[in-house]
C-alpha cells in the first residue's frame, strides 16, 4: 500500500502548549521522586552542640499534605573522632517518620528513627579526618492544619574547637508530594 499523507497537519503550538506540558511534564514530575533542593555552598559548624538550621536544606509545605523525602548529607570533619547530630523539624501538628542506617556513637550499625520534630540523634560522622562521607535519610512527613518547613538541622555531638563539621554543597533533598 502506498503511503498517504495524514489528513491533519499539526502546528508547533498544538504539540507544545501549556496545557499539554502541564499535564505531561509538570504533573508527572510532581508524582515522581526528584531533586527538590540542592545545597549550593558548604556550611560549617565549629565548637557548638546547638542544632543549627541548614541554610539551604529545607522545603516549604502546605496544610494537609503528605511528602516523601530522601535527604542526602555529605559530611566532612577535621579530626578523627567525629560525632554528628542530625534532627528534622516540621510544622506544628505534623507527623514525621524518618530513618537512616548509620554507625551509632557506640560503634555499631543501627537504624536510627526520627518520629518527633526537632529531636536529634547522634552518629559517627566520617571516621577519618578530611574524608567526605555521604549519609542518606528517608521517610515521610504529613502536615496538619499548619503550613511550614521541613528543615534539616545538624551540629557537633561534642563541642570541639579543633573539629570543624562541614555539610558539603553536594547535599540535597529529593522527594515528592504524595497528597
Foldseek 3Di string as FASTA:
>chain_A
DDDDDDPDDDDPCVVDPPVVCCVPPVVVVQVDKDFDWFFAFKDKDAQDPDWDWDPTAKDWFAAFWKKKKKWKWKKAKAAQQFKKKKFKAADPPKWWWKWWFAQANVRDTDIDIDGHGPDIGMGGADNHHPDIDMTMMIIMMGHHNDIGMTTMIMDTNGHDRSMMMMGGRRITMIIHIPD
